[in-house]
Amino acid sequence: MTCPYCNAPDTRVIDSRPASEGGAIRRRRECERCGRRFTTYERAQVEPLMVLKRSGRKETFNPEKLLRGLLLACQKRPVDTEALQRFAYTFEDNVDTAEITSEEIGLQALAFLREQDPVAYIRFASVYREFNSVENFIDEIRRLERRKGKRRAKR
């Protein structure tokens, strides 16, 4: 840390303690050259998760938007609302990059719904994959059934 008084590059920490209810660290420093003391505060800088849309536009990840889509797909289905909320609100914590495509969010949501409820999965897939015919629904249901058959065979 550079000294704010003499611009010396070397300062030393003489005291450190939590500040702002643990949201920051207060550090008391002393300049090696001029001997003056000053205080700094260190906070974690959390960058928001950015979503790259199909159009090329970028927007900040919004868990509410994801949750709305999940709730719509699960409407009148026996799916635990708390599980949906947990998925949506912890989604950002489970992503290890600063940017994600909307396609990847959709794929992860589909994988989650596949485990929760097959009808909710098909509903979400129909919007996400833009089904435009009955055949699209039938093909997706067949893929889902084949997956179930393979899982049963492994047991």
C-alpha atoms as a PDB file:
ATOM      1  CA  MET A   1       0.000   0.000   0.000  1.00  0.00           C
ATOM      2  CA  THR A   2       1.398   3.392  -0.965  1.00  0.00           C
ATOM      3  CA  CYS A   3       1.615   6.042   1.751  1.00  0.00           C
ATOM      4  CA  PRO A   4      -0.966   8.797   1.109  1.00  0.00           C
ATOM      5  CA  TYR A   5       1.386  11.407   2.629  1.00  0.00           C
ATOM      6  CA  CYS A   6       4.763  10.815   0.991  1.00  0.00           C
ATOM      7  CA  ASN A   7       3.887   8.232  -1.715  1.00  0.00           C
ATOM      8  CA  ALA A   8       6.416   5.756  -0.390  1.00  0.00           C
ATOM      9  CA  PRO A   9       5.701   2.252  -1.706  1.00  0.00           C
ATOM     10  CA  ASP A  10       6.371   0.485   1.601  1.00  0.00           C
ATOM     11  CA  THR A  11       3.951   0.590   4.520  1.00  0.00           C
ATOM     12  CA  ARG A  12       3.427  -1.975   7.222  1.00  0.00           C
ATOM     13  CA  VAL A  13       0.279  -3.152   8.951  1.00  0.00           C
ATOM     14  CA  ILE A  14       0.375  -2.479  12.693  1.00  0.00           C
ATOM     15  CA  ASP A  15      -3.204  -3.506  13.530  1.00  0.00           C
ATOM     16  CA  SER A  16      -5.977  -5.442  11.770  1.00  0.00           C
ATOM     17  CA  ARG A  17      -9.553  -6.033  12.864  1.00  0.00           C
ATOM     18  CA  PRO A  18     -12.980  -6.765  11.362  1.00  0.00           C
ATOM     19  CA  ALA A  19     -15.137  -3.758  10.465  1.00  0.00           C
ATOM     20  CA  SER A  20     -18.674  -3.232   9.139  1.00  0.00           C
ATOM     21  CA  GLU A  21     -19.957  -6.342  10.916  1.00  0.00           C
ATOM     22  CA  GLY A  22     -17.364  -8.540   9.217  1.00  0.00           C
ATOM     23  CA  GLY A  23     -17.959  -7.113   5.741  1.00  0.00           C
ATOM     24  CA  ALA A  24     -14.545  -5.430   5.737  1.00  0.00           C
ATOM     25  CA  ILE A  25     -11.137  -5.502   7.390  1.00  0.00           C
ATOM     26  CA  ARG A  26      -9.843  -2.323   9.011  1.00  0.00           C
ATOM     27  CA  ARG A  27      -6.060  -2.048   8.801  1.00  0.00           C
ATOM     28  CA  ARG A  28      -3.962   0.507  10.659  1.00  0.00           C
ATOM     29  CA  ARG A  29      -0.754   1.131   8.687  1.00  0.00           C
ATOM     30  CA  GLU A  30       2.505   2.971   9.220  1.00  0.00           C
ATOM     31  CA  CYS A  31       4.763   4.357   6.518  1.00  0.00           C
ATOM     32  CA  GLU A  32       8.334   2.990   6.592  1.00  0.00           C
ATOM     33  CA  ARG A  33       9.747   6.288   5.242  1.00  0.00           C
ATOM     34  CA  CYS A  34       7.840   9.148   6.942  1.00  0.00           C
ATOM     35  CA  GLY A  35       6.465   7.235   9.957  1.00  0.00           C
ATOM     36  CA  ARG A  36       2.928   8.608   9.581  1.00  0.00           C
ATOM     37  CA  ARG A  37      -0.045   6.364  10.266  1.00  0.00           C
ATOM     38  CA  PHE A  38      -3.242   5.920   8.289  1.00  0.00           C
ATOM     39  CA  THR A  39      -6.212   3.540   8.084  1.00  0.00           C
ATOM     40  CA  THR A  40      -7.351   1.426   5.135  1.00  0.00           C
ATOM     41  CA  TYR A  41     -10.431  -0.734   4.693  1.00  0.00           C
ATOM     42  CA  GLU A  42     -10.359  -3.926   2.669  1.00  0.00           C
ATOM     43  CA  ARG A  43     -13.590  -5.296   1.189  1.00  0.00           C
ATOM     44  CA  ALA A  44     -14.229  -8.201  -1.134  1.00  0.00           C
ATOM     45  CA  GLN A  45     -15.232  -6.963  -4.553  1.00  0.00           C
ATOM     46  CA  VAL A  46     -17.811  -9.327  -5.915  1.00  0.00           C
ATOM     47  CA  GLU A  47     -18.345  -9.069  -9.634  1.00  0.00           C
ATOM     48  CA  PRO A  48     -21.860  -9.876 -10.767  1.00  0.00           C
ATOM     49  CA  LEU A  49     -22.387 -12.882 -13.016  1.00  0.00           C
ATOM     50  CA  MET A  50     -22.989 -11.659 -16.553  1.00  0.00           C
ATOM     51  CA  VAL A  51     -25.331 -13.496 -18.912  1.00  0.00           C
ATOM     52  CA  LEU A  52     -24.594 -13.503 -22.630  1.00  0.00           C
ATOM     53  CA  LYS A  53     -27.960 -13.629 -24.396  1.00  0.00           C
ATOM     54  CA  ARG A  54     -28.579 -15.266 -27.781  1.00  0.00           C
ATOM     55  CA  SER A  55     -28.848 -11.796 -29.326  1.00  0.00           C
ATOM     56  CA  GLY A  56     -25.297 -11.012 -28.183  1.00  0.00           C
ATOM     57  CA  ARG A  57     -26.504  -8.603 -25.511  1.00  0.00           C
ATOM     58  CA  LYS A  58     -25.167  -8.932 -21.956  1.00  0.00           C
ATOM     59  CA  GLU A  59     -27.123  -8.506 -18.742  1.00  0.00           C
ATOM     60  CA  THR A  60     -26.575  -9.148 -15.058  1.00  0.00           C
ATOM     61  CA  PHE A  61     -27.763 -12.552 -13.842  1.00  0.00           C
ATOM     62  CA  ASN A  62     -31.118 -12.263 -12.081  1.00  0.00           C
ATOM     63  CA  PRO A  63     -32.127 -15.244  -9.936  1.00  0.00           C
ATOM     64  CA  GLU A  64     -35.720 -13.953  -9.854  1.00  0.00           C
ATOM     65  CA  LYS A  65     -35.960 -14.358 -13.621  1.00  0.00           C
ATOM     66  CA  LEU A  66     -34.698 -17.940 -13.411  1.00  0.00           C
ATOM     67  CA  LEU A  67     -37.077 -18.692 -10.546  1.00  0.00           C
ATOM     68  CA  ARG A  68     -40.065 -17.309 -12.509  1.00  0.00           C
ATOM     69  CA  GLY A  69     -39.284 -19.684 -15.384  1.00  0.00           C
ATOM     70  CA  LEU A  70     -38.927 -22.634 -13.034  1.00  0.00           C
ATOM     71  CA  LEU A  71     -42.150 -21.807 -11.176  1.00  0.00           C
ATOM     72  CA  LEU A  72     -44.043 -21.471 -14.437  1.00  0.00           C
ATOM     73  CA  ALA A  73     -42.818 -24.884 -15.597  1.00  0.00           C
ATOM     74  CA  CYS A  74     -43.729 -26.429 -12.228  1.00  0.00           C
ATOM     75  CA  GLN A  75     -47.157 -24.844 -11.923  1.00  0.00           C
ATOM     76  CA  LYS A  76     -49.648 -27.346 -10.462  1.00  0.00           C
ATOM     77  CA  ARG A  77     -46.905 -29.991 -10.196  1.00  0.00           C
ATOM     78  CA  PRO A  78     -45.705 -31.734  -7.020  1.00  0.00           C
ATOM     79  CA  VAL A  79     -42.355 -29.935  -6.954  1.00  0.00           C
ATOM     80  CA  ASP A  80     -40.891 -28.473  -3.756  1.00  0.00           C
ATOM     81  CA  THR A  81     -40.907 -24.679  -4.140  1.00  0.00           C
ATOM     82  CA  GLU A  82     -37.999 -24.412  -1.699  1.00  0.00           C
ATOM     83  CA  ALA A  83     -35.904 -26.645  -3.979  1.00  0.00           C
ATOM     84  CA  LEU A  84     -36.654 -24.296  -6.896  1.00  0.00           C
ATOM     85  CA  GLN A  85     -35.729 -21.254  -4.811  1.00  0.00           C
ATOM     86  CA  ARG A  86     -32.543 -22.907  -3.592  1.00  0.00           C
ATOM     87  CA  PHE A  87     -31.549 -23.755  -7.174  1.00  0.00           C
ATOM     88  CA  ALA A  88     -32.226 -20.232  -8.450  1.00  0.00           C
ATOM     89  CA  TYR A  89     -30.621 -18.348  -5.560  1.00  0.00           C
ATOM     90  CA  THR A  90     -27.515 -20.532  -5.318  1.00  0.00           C
ATOM     91  CA  PHE A  91     -27.052 -20.817  -9.081  1.00  0.00           C
ATOM     92  CA  GLU A  92     -24.581 -17.926  -9.189  1.00  0.00           C
ATOM     93  CA  ASP A  93     -22.536 -19.456  -6.341  1.00  0.00           C
ATOM     94  CA  ASN A  94     -22.061 -22.653  -8.349  1.00  0.00           C
ATOM     95  CA  VAL A  95     -20.750 -20.929 -11.472  1.00  0.00           C
ATOM     96  CA  ASP A  96     -16.983 -20.498 -11.585  1.00  0.00           C
ATOM     97  CA  THR A  97     -16.815 -17.934 -14.388  1.00  0.00           C
ATOM     98  CA  ALA A  98     -17.710 -14.262 -14.588  1.00  0.00           C
ATOM     99  CA  GLU A  99     -19.832 -14.798 -17.707  1.00  0.00           C
ATOM    100  CA  ILE A 100     -22.257 -17.528 -18.744  1.00  0.00           C
ATOM    101  CA  THR A 101     -24.484 -17.969 -21.780  1.00  0.00           C
ATOM    102  CA  SER A 102     -28.241 -18.057 -21.421  1.00  0.00           C
ATOM    103  CA  GLU A 103     -28.005 -21.418 -23.189  1.00  0.00           C
ATOM    104  CA  GLU A 104     -25.879 -22.860 -20.364  1.00  0.00           C
ATOM    105  CA  ILE A 105     -28.318 -21.545 -17.753  1.00  0.00           C
ATOM    106  CA  GLY A 106     -31.137 -23.233 -19.655  1.00  0.00           C
ATOM    107  CA  LEU A 107     -29.253 -26.525 -19.882  1.00  0.00           C
ATOM    108  CA  GLN A 108     -28.527 -26.527 -16.152  1.00  0.00           C
ATOM    109  CA  ALA A 109     -32.167 -25.675 -15.402  1.00  0.00           C
ATOM    110  CA  LEU A 110     -33.294 -28.538 -17.655  1.00  0.00           C
ATOM    111  CA  ALA A 111     -30.955 -30.978 -15.895  1.00  0.00           C
ATOM    112  CA  PHE A 112     -32.324 -29.831 -12.532  1.00  0.00           C
ATOM    113  CA  LEU A 113     -35.974 -30.133 -13.648  1.00  0.00           C
ATOM    114  CA  ARG A 114     -35.347 -33.544 -15.221  1.00  0.00           C
ATOM    115  CA  GLU A 115     -34.568 -34.801 -11.711  1.00  0.00           C
ATOM    116  CA  GLN A 116     -37.526 -32.980 -10.128  1.00  0.00           C
ATOM    117  CA  ASP A 117     -40.481 -33.723 -12.391  1.00  0.00           C
ATOM    118  CA  PRO A 118     -40.735 -34.972 -15.998  1.00  0.00           C
ATOM    119  CA  VAL A 119     -43.772 -32.822 -16.831  1.00  0.00           C
ATOM    120  CA  ALA A 120     -42.065 -29.663 -15.553  1.00  0.00           C
ATOM    121  CA  TYR A 121     -39.000 -30.665 -17.554  1.00  0.00           C
ATOM    122  CA  ILE A 122     -41.024 -30.985 -20.776  1.00  0.00           C
ATOM    123  CA  ARG A 123     -42.788 -27.663 -20.119  1.00  0.00           C
ATOM    124  CA  PHE A 124     -39.488 -25.855 -19.594  1.00  0.00           C
ATOM    125  CA  ALA A 125     -37.902 -27.582 -22.587  1.00  0.00           C
ATOM    126  CA  SER A 126     -40.810 -26.571 -24.812  1.00  0.00           C
ATOM    127  CA  VAL A 127     -40.146 -22.895 -24.122  1.00  0.00           C
ATOM    128  CA  TYR A 128     -36.356 -23.116 -23.875  1.00  0.00           C
ATOM    129  CA  ARG A 129     -35.954 -25.139 -27.059  1.00  0.00           C
ATOM    130  CA  GLU A 130     -38.771 -23.284 -28.824  1.00  0.00           C
ATOM    131  CA  PHE A 131     -40.863 -26.329 -29.748  1.00  0.00           C
ATOM    132  CA  ASN A 132     -42.996 -25.483 -32.760  1.00  0.00           C
ATOM    133  CA  SER A 133     -44.735 -28.796 -33.383  1.00  0.00           C
ATOM    134  CA  VAL A 134     -46.217 -31.783 -31.606  1.00  0.00           C
ATOM    135  CA  GLU A 135     -43.354 -33.860 -33.011  1.00  0.00           C
ATOM    136  CA  ASN A 136     -40.878 -31.781 -30.994  1.00  0.00           C
ATOM    137  CA  PHE A 137     -42.763 -32.702 -27.816  1.00  0.00           C
ATOM    138  CA  ILE A 138     -42.916 -36.376 -28.774  1.00  0.00           C
ATOM    139  CA  ASP A 139     -39.201 -36.500 -29.600  1.00  0.00           C
ATOM    140  CA  GLU A 140     -38.292 -34.920 -26.264  1.00  0.00           C
ATOM    141  CA  ILE A 141     -40.558 -37.283 -24.332  1.00  0.00           C
ATOM    142  CA  ARG A 142     -38.946 -40.244 -26.102  1.00  0.00           C
ATOM    143  CA  ARG A 143     -35.464 -38.967 -25.186  1.00  0.00           C
ATOM    144  CA  LEU A 144     -36.592 -38.559 -21.589  1.00  0.00           C
ATOM    145  CA  GLU A 145     -38.012 -42.090 -21.521  1.00  0.00           C
ATOM    146  CA  ARG A 146     -34.794 -43.545 -23.007  1.00  0.00           C
ATOM    147  CA  ARG A 147     -32.791 -41.799 -20.267  1.00  0.00           C
ATOM    148  CA  LYS A 148     -35.073 -43.269 -17.611  1.00  0.00           C
ATOM    149  CA  GLY A 149     -34.686 -46.731 -19.151  1.00  0.00           C
ATOM    150  CA  LYS A 150     -30.887 -46.459 -19.112  1.00  0.00           C
ATOM    151  CA  ARG A 151     -30.908 -45.339 -15.462  1.00  0.00           C
ATOM    152  CA  ARG A 152     -33.143 -48.259 -14.472  1.00  0.00           C
ATOM    153  CA  ALA A 153     -30.862 -50.699 -16.333  1.00  0.00           C
ATOM    154  CA  LYS A 154     -27.820 -49.447 -14.380  1.00  0.00           C
ATOM    155  CA  ARG A 155     -29.481 -50.234 -11.037  1.00  0.00           C
END
